[in-house]
Amino acid sequence: MSDAVIYKKPPVAWRLALILLVAMFASIDNNPVVKLEAVLGLSPSPIERIFGIKSLFSGMTEGVYQFVRMNFEASIKANIFSPLVIPLIAYAILAWRLPKVNTRRQEYMFFGVFIMLSIVVNIVN
């Protein structure tokens, strides 16, 4: 398979349909992904369970679920950053680009931002 096939953008209509499918899947009651997280012991996260410290993604599943169901207050209560997830995913699908970490500097920046935003989640939520 050539790289041209992998990196070719699908038509905008297909990308919009994909966004719609992702939103519909996220809004399913008794979502299978949420059940899988619970069965695997990933909800709450092991760090939160062991140390009682929330990370950036603590409450994110519930927050995104509430956001898709248009319950914005519950979304923000679950995780202050959850309302940003759907627009960021929609942008990535429309632009058909995923962010990549290519250098050690970018890794440090990513983890630094992750830790800072995790602190914000612990303070606010």
N, C-alpha and C. Protein backbone atom coordinates (compact mmCIF):
# COMPACT_ATOMS: atom_id res chain seq x y z
N MET A 1 0.86 -1.18 0.00
CA MET A 1 0.00 0.00 0.00
C MET A 1 0.90 1.24 0.00
N SER A 2 0.64 2.14 -0.88
CA SER A 2 1.46 3.33 -0.97
C SER A 2 1.05 4.38 0.06
N ASP A 3 1.97 5.28 0.38
CA ASP A 3 1.68 6.35 1.33
C ASP A 3 0.60 7.29 0.82
N ALA A 4 0.48 7.43 -0.49
CA ALA A 4 -0.53 8.33 -1.07
C ALA A 4 -1.93 7.89 -0.68
N VAL A 5 -2.16 6.60 -0.60
CA VAL A 5 -3.47 6.08 -0.23
C VAL A 5 -3.75 6.36 1.24
N ILE A 6 -2.74 6.23 2.08
CA ILE A 6 -2.91 6.42 3.52
C ILE A 6 -3.19 7.88 3.84
N TYR A 7 -2.51 8.81 3.22
CA TYR A 7 -2.60 10.22 3.58
C TYR A 7 -3.62 11.01 2.78
N LYS A 8 -4.30 10.37 1.84
CA LYS A 8 -5.28 11.09 1.04
C LYS A 8 -6.50 11.41 1.90
N LYS A 9 -6.92 12.67 1.87
CA LYS A 9 -8.09 13.09 2.64
C LYS A 9 -9.36 12.56 1.99
N PRO A 10 -10.25 12.02 2.82
CA PRO A 10 -11.56 11.66 2.26
C PRO A 10 -12.38 12.92 2.00
N PRO A 11 -13.43 12.82 1.22
CA PRO A 11 -14.27 14.00 0.97
C PRO A 11 -14.84 14.58 2.27
N VAL A 12 -15.14 15.86 2.24
CA VAL A 12 -15.66 16.56 3.43
C VAL A 12 -16.93 15.89 3.94
N ALA A 13 -17.78 15.44 3.04
CA ALA A 13 -19.04 14.79 3.46
C ALA A 13 -18.75 13.55 4.29
N TRP A 14 -17.73 12.77 3.91
CA TRP A 14 -17.36 11.58 4.68
C TRP A 14 -16.81 11.97 6.05
N ARG A 15 -16.03 13.04 6.09
CA ARG A 15 -15.47 13.49 7.38
C ARG A 15 -16.57 14.00 8.29
N LEU A 16 -17.55 14.72 7.74
CA LEU A 16 -18.69 15.19 8.55
C LEU A 16 -19.52 14.01 9.03
N ALA A 17 -19.70 13.00 8.19
CA ALA A 17 -20.43 11.81 8.60
C ALA A 17 -19.69 11.08 9.73
N LEU A 18 -18.36 11.05 9.66
CA LEU A 18 -17.56 10.43 10.72
C LEU A 18 -17.73 11.17 12.04
N ILE A 19 -17.74 12.50 11.99
CA ILE A 19 -17.97 13.30 13.20
C ILE A 19 -19.34 12.99 13.78
N LEU A 20 -20.34 12.90 12.94
CA LEU A 20 -21.69 12.56 13.39
C LEU A 20 -21.72 11.18 14.04
N LEU A 21 -21.06 10.21 13.43
CA LEU A 21 -21.01 8.86 13.99
C LEU A 21 -20.30 8.84 15.34
N VAL A 22 -19.21 9.57 15.47
CA VAL A 22 -18.49 9.64 16.75
C VAL A 22 -19.39 10.26 17.82
N ALA A 23 -20.08 11.32 17.49
CA ALA A 23 -20.99 11.96 18.46
C ALA A 23 -22.14 11.03 18.83
N MET A 24 -22.68 10.32 17.85
CA MET A 24 -23.77 9.39 18.15
C MET A 24 -23.28 8.25 19.05
N PHE A 25 -22.09 7.74 18.77
CA PHE A 25 -21.54 6.66 19.59
C PHE A 25 -21.27 7.14 21.01
N ALA A 26 -20.76 8.36 21.14
CA ALA A 26 -20.47 8.90 22.48
C ALA A 26 -21.73 9.12 23.30
N SER A 27 -22.87 9.29 22.65
CA SER A 27 -24.10 9.58 23.38
C SER A 27 -24.93 8.34 23.71
N ILE A 28 -24.43 7.15 23.38
CA ILE A 28 -25.17 5.91 23.64
C ILE A 28 -25.28 5.67 25.14
N ASP A 29 -26.51 5.36 25.61
CA ASP A 29 -26.68 4.93 26.99
C ASP A 29 -26.04 3.55 27.13
N ASN A 30 -25.46 3.28 28.30
CA ASN A 30 -24.77 2.01 28.54
C ASN A 30 -23.71 1.75 27.47
N ASN A 31 -22.90 2.75 27.22
CA ASN A 31 -21.88 2.70 26.19
C ASN A 31 -20.90 1.54 26.44
N PRO A 32 -20.60 0.73 25.43
CA PRO A 32 -19.70 -0.40 25.63
C PRO A 32 -18.28 0.01 26.01
N VAL A 33 -17.82 1.18 25.60
CA VAL A 33 -16.48 1.64 25.97
C VAL A 33 -16.43 1.92 27.48
N VAL A 34 -17.48 2.51 28.01
CA VAL A 34 -17.54 2.79 29.45
C VAL A 34 -17.56 1.48 30.22
N LYS A 35 -18.33 0.51 29.75
CA LYS A 35 -18.36 -0.80 30.40
C LYS A 35 -16.98 -1.46 30.36
N LEU A 36 -16.30 -1.37 29.22
CA LEU A 36 -14.97 -1.94 29.09
C LEU A 36 -13.99 -1.28 30.05
N GLU A 37 -14.05 0.05 30.19
CA GLU A 37 -13.19 0.75 31.14
C GLU A 37 -13.41 0.23 32.55
N ALA A 38 -14.66 0.02 32.93
CA ALA A 38 -14.97 -0.47 34.27
C ALA A 38 -14.46 -1.89 34.47
N VAL A 39 -14.65 -2.76 33.47
CA VAL A 39 -14.21 -4.15 33.58
C VAL A 39 -12.69 -4.24 33.67
N LEU A 40 -11.98 -3.42 32.89
CA LEU A 40 -10.52 -3.44 32.89
C LEU A 40 -9.92 -2.72 34.10
N GLY A 41 -10.75 -2.06 34.89
CA GLY A 41 -10.24 -1.34 36.06
C GLY A 41 -9.64 0.00 35.72
N LEU A 42 -10.03 0.58 34.61
CA LEU A 42 -9.49 1.87 34.18
C LEU A 42 -10.35 3.05 34.61
N SER A 43 -11.47 2.78 35.25
CA SER A 43 -12.36 3.85 35.67
C SER A 43 -12.74 3.63 37.13
N PRO A 44 -12.35 4.47 38.06
CA PRO A 44 -11.41 5.58 37.90
C PRO A 44 -10.01 5.07 37.60
N SER A 45 -9.17 5.97 37.13
CA SER A 45 -7.83 5.58 36.72
C SER A 45 -7.05 5.02 37.91
N PRO A 46 -6.10 4.14 37.64
CA PRO A 46 -5.30 3.57 38.74
C PRO A 46 -4.61 4.64 39.59
N ILE A 47 -4.14 5.71 38.98
CA ILE A 47 -3.49 6.79 39.75
C ILE A 47 -4.49 7.42 40.71
N GLU A 48 -5.71 7.64 40.22
CA GLU A 48 -6.74 8.25 41.06
C GLU A 48 -7.15 7.29 42.18
N ARG A 49 -7.26 6.00 41.86
CA ARG A 49 -7.65 5.02 42.86
C ARG A 49 -6.59 4.84 43.93
N ILE A 50 -5.34 4.77 43.53
CA ILE A 50 -4.25 4.50 44.48
C ILE A 50 -3.87 5.74 45.27
N PHE A 51 -3.65 6.86 44.58
CA PHE A 51 -3.14 8.07 45.23
C PHE A 51 -4.19 9.12 45.52
N GLY A 52 -5.37 8.98 44.93
CA GLY A 52 -6.42 9.98 45.13
C GLY A 52 -6.17 11.27 44.38
N ILE A 53 -5.30 11.22 43.38
CA ILE A 53 -4.97 12.41 42.58
C ILE A 53 -5.59 12.26 41.20
N LYS A 54 -6.32 13.26 40.77
CA LYS A 54 -6.94 13.22 39.45
C LYS A 54 -5.92 13.64 38.39
N SER A 55 -6.08 13.07 37.20
CA SER A 55 -5.26 13.48 36.08
C SER A 55 -6.12 14.32 35.13
N LEU A 56 -5.52 14.76 34.07
CA LEU A 56 -6.23 15.56 33.08
C LEU A 56 -7.47 14.84 32.55
N PHE A 57 -7.40 13.52 32.47
CA PHE A 57 -8.49 12.76 31.87
C PHE A 57 -9.48 12.20 32.88
N SER A 58 -9.32 12.48 34.16
CA SER A 58 -10.26 12.00 35.17
C SER A 58 -11.62 12.65 34.95
N GLY A 59 -12.64 11.83 34.81
CA GLY A 59 -13.99 12.33 34.58
C GLY A 59 -14.26 12.72 33.14
N MET A 60 -13.30 12.47 32.26
CA MET A 60 -13.44 12.90 30.87
C MET A 60 -14.53 12.13 30.14
N THR A 61 -14.64 10.83 30.39
CA THR A 61 -15.67 10.04 29.71
C THR A 61 -17.05 10.55 30.06
N GLU A 62 -17.30 10.75 31.34
CA GLU A 62 -18.60 11.27 31.79
C GLU A 62 -18.82 12.68 31.25
N GLY A 63 -17.77 13.50 31.28
CA GLY A 63 -17.89 14.87 30.79
C GLY A 63 -18.24 14.94 29.32
N VAL A 64 -17.59 14.12 28.50
CA VAL A 64 -17.87 14.10 27.07
C VAL A 64 -19.28 13.57 26.83
N TYR A 65 -19.67 12.53 27.57
CA TYR A 65 -21.03 11.99 27.44
C TYR A 65 -22.06 13.07 27.75
N GLN A 66 -21.86 13.80 28.84
CA GLN A 66 -22.80 14.86 29.20
C GLN A 66 -22.78 15.99 28.18
N PHE A 67 -21.62 16.30 27.63
CA PHE A 67 -21.51 17.37 26.63
C PHE A 67 -22.28 16.99 25.36
N VAL A 68 -22.13 15.76 24.92
CA VAL A 68 -22.84 15.32 23.72
C VAL A 68 -24.34 15.31 23.95
N ARG A 69 -24.77 15.05 25.18
CA ARG A 69 -26.20 15.06 25.51
C ARG A 69 -26.68 16.47 25.83
N MET A 70 -25.81 17.48 25.61
CA MET A 70 -26.12 18.90 25.79
C MET A 70 -26.40 19.28 27.24
N ASN A 71 -25.83 18.55 28.18
CA ASN A 71 -25.91 18.88 29.59
C ASN A 71 -24.57 19.50 29.98
N PHE A 72 -24.40 20.77 29.66
CA PHE A 72 -23.10 21.42 29.77
C PHE A 72 -22.65 21.60 31.22
N GLU A 73 -23.57 21.87 32.13
CA GLU A 73 -23.20 22.04 33.53
C GLU A 73 -22.62 20.74 34.10
N ALA A 74 -23.27 19.61 33.83
CA ALA A 74 -22.76 18.31 34.31
C ALA A 74 -21.43 17.97 33.62
N SER A 75 -21.28 18.38 32.38
CA SER A 75 -20.04 18.15 31.66
C SER A 75 -18.87 18.86 32.33
N ILE A 76 -19.08 20.11 32.70
CA ILE A 76 -18.02 20.88 33.35
C ILE A 76 -17.75 20.36 34.76
N LYS A 77 -18.80 19.90 35.45
CA LYS A 77 -18.60 19.32 36.79
C LYS A 77 -17.79 18.03 36.73
N ALA A 78 -17.96 17.25 35.68
CA ALA A 78 -17.21 16.00 35.55
C ALA A 78 -15.74 16.28 35.28
N ASN A 79 -15.45 17.19 34.37
CA ASN A 79 -14.08 17.61 34.07
C ASN A 79 -14.16 18.95 33.36
N ILE A 80 -13.44 19.90 33.86
CA ILE A 80 -13.52 21.27 33.33
C ILE A 80 -13.09 21.34 31.86
N PHE A 81 -12.27 20.40 31.41
CA PHE A 81 -11.77 20.43 30.03
C PHE A 81 -12.59 19.57 29.08
N SER A 82 -13.59 18.86 29.57
CA SER A 82 -14.36 17.96 28.69
C SER A 82 -15.10 18.68 27.56
N PRO A 83 -15.57 19.92 27.73
CA PRO A 83 -16.20 20.59 26.59
C PRO A 83 -15.24 20.87 25.43
N LEU A 84 -13.94 20.77 25.65
CA LEU A 84 -12.97 21.01 24.58
C LEU A 84 -12.71 19.77 23.73
N VAL A 85 -13.05 18.59 24.24
CA VAL A 85 -12.70 17.35 23.55
C VAL A 85 -13.41 17.21 22.21
N ILE A 86 -14.73 17.37 22.19
CA ILE A 86 -15.49 17.18 20.95
C ILE A 86 -15.04 18.18 19.88
N PRO A 87 -14.90 19.49 20.19
CA PRO A 87 -14.41 20.40 19.14
C PRO A 87 -13.00 20.04 18.64
N LEU A 88 -12.11 19.57 19.54
CA LEU A 88 -10.77 19.18 19.10
C LEU A 88 -10.80 17.94 18.22
N ILE A 89 -11.64 16.97 18.57
CA ILE A 89 -11.78 15.78 17.74
C ILE A 89 -12.39 16.16 16.39
N ALA A 90 -13.39 17.02 16.41
CA ALA A 90 -14.02 17.45 15.16
C ALA A 90 -13.01 18.17 14.27
N TYR A 91 -12.19 19.03 14.85
CA TYR A 91 -11.16 19.72 14.07
C TYR A 91 -10.17 18.73 13.46
N ALA A 92 -9.72 17.75 14.27
CA ALA A 92 -8.76 16.77 13.77
C ALA A 92 -9.35 15.96 12.62
N ILE A 93 -10.63 15.62 12.71
CA ILE A 93 -11.27 14.86 11.63
C ILE A 93 -11.45 15.73 10.39
N LEU A 94 -11.91 16.98 10.58
CA LEU A 94 -12.10 17.86 9.42
C LEU A 94 -10.79 18.19 8.73
N ALA A 95 -9.76 18.45 9.51
CA ALA A 95 -8.45 18.77 8.93
C ALA A 95 -7.73 17.51 8.46
N TRP A 96 -8.17 16.35 8.96
CA TRP A 96 -7.60 15.05 8.66
C TRP A 96 -6.12 15.00 9.03
N ARG A 97 -5.83 15.59 10.21
CA ARG A 97 -4.47 15.59 10.74
C ARG A 97 -4.53 15.30 12.23
N LEU A 98 -3.62 14.47 12.70
CA LEU A 98 -3.49 14.21 14.12
C LEU A 98 -2.20 14.85 14.60
N PRO A 99 -2.23 15.41 15.80
CA PRO A 99 -0.98 15.99 16.32
C PRO A 99 0.04 14.89 16.59
N LYS A 100 1.29 15.18 16.32
CA LYS A 100 2.36 14.21 16.54
C LYS A 100 3.44 14.83 17.41
N VAL A 101 4.03 13.99 18.23
CA VAL A 101 5.16 14.39 19.05
C VAL A 101 6.39 13.81 18.37
N ASN A 102 7.23 14.68 17.82
CA ASN A 102 8.37 14.23 17.02
C ASN A 102 9.71 14.37 17.72
N THR A 103 9.83 15.28 18.65
CA THR A 103 11.13 15.54 19.27
C THR A 103 11.04 15.40 20.78
N ARG A 104 12.19 15.31 21.41
CA ARG A 104 12.26 15.22 22.87
C ARG A 104 11.69 16.49 23.49
N ARG A 105 11.95 17.63 22.88
CA ARG A 105 11.41 18.91 23.38
C ARG A 105 9.88 18.89 23.39
N GLN A 106 9.29 18.38 22.31
CA GLN A 106 7.83 18.28 22.24
C GLN A 106 7.29 17.32 23.30
N GLU A 107 8.03 16.25 23.59
CA GLU A 107 7.63 15.33 24.66
C GLU A 107 7.60 16.05 26.00
N TYR A 108 8.65 16.79 26.29
CA TYR A 108 8.71 17.54 27.55
C TYR A 108 7.58 18.56 27.63
N MET A 109 7.33 19.24 26.52
CA MET A 109 6.24 20.21 26.52
C MET A 109 4.90 19.52 26.75
N PHE A 110 4.66 18.39 26.08
CA PHE A 110 3.40 17.65 26.24
C PHE A 110 3.21 17.24 27.70
N PHE A 111 4.23 16.62 28.30
CA PHE A 111 4.08 16.16 29.67
C PHE A 111 4.00 17.32 30.66
N GLY A 112 4.70 18.41 30.37
CA GLY A 112 4.59 19.59 31.22
C GLY A 112 3.17 20.17 31.20
N VAL A 113 2.61 20.28 30.00
CA VAL A 113 1.23 20.78 29.87
C VAL A 113 0.26 19.80 30.52
N PHE A 114 0.48 18.51 30.33
CA PHE A 114 -0.37 17.49 30.95
C PHE A 114 -0.38 17.63 32.47
N ILE A 115 0.80 17.80 33.06
CA ILE A 115 0.89 17.94 34.52
C ILE A 115 0.23 19.24 34.98
N MET A 116 0.46 20.33 34.27
CA MET A 116 -0.15 21.61 34.65
C MET A 116 -1.68 21.54 34.56
N LEU A 117 -2.20 20.96 33.49
CA LEU A 117 -3.65 20.85 33.36
C LEU A 117 -4.23 19.86 34.37
N SER A 118 -3.47 18.84 34.74
CA SER A 118 -3.91 17.92 35.79
C SER A 118 -4.02 18.64 37.13
N ILE A 119 -3.11 19.55 37.39
CA ILE A 119 -3.18 20.35 38.62
C ILE A 119 -4.42 21.21 38.60
N VAL A 120 -4.72 21.80 37.45
CA VAL A 120 -5.94 22.62 37.32
C VAL A 120 -7.17 21.76 37.59
N VAL A 121 -7.22 20.55 37.04
CA VAL A 121 -8.36 19.66 37.28
C VAL A 121 -8.52 19.35 38.76
N ASN A 122 -7.41 19.12 39.47
CA ASN A 122 -7.47 18.83 40.90
C ASN A 122 -7.95 20.04 41.69
N ILE A 123 -7.57 21.22 41.27
CA ILE A 123 -8.00 22.43 41.99
C ILE A 123 -9.47 22.73 41.74
N VAL A 124 -9.89 22.65 40.47
CA VAL A 124 -11.26 23.04 40.11
C VAL A 124 -12.28 21.95 40.42
N ASN A 125 -11.97 20.72 40.09
CA ASN A 125 -12.92 19.64 40.31
C ASN A 125 -12.58 18.99 41.63
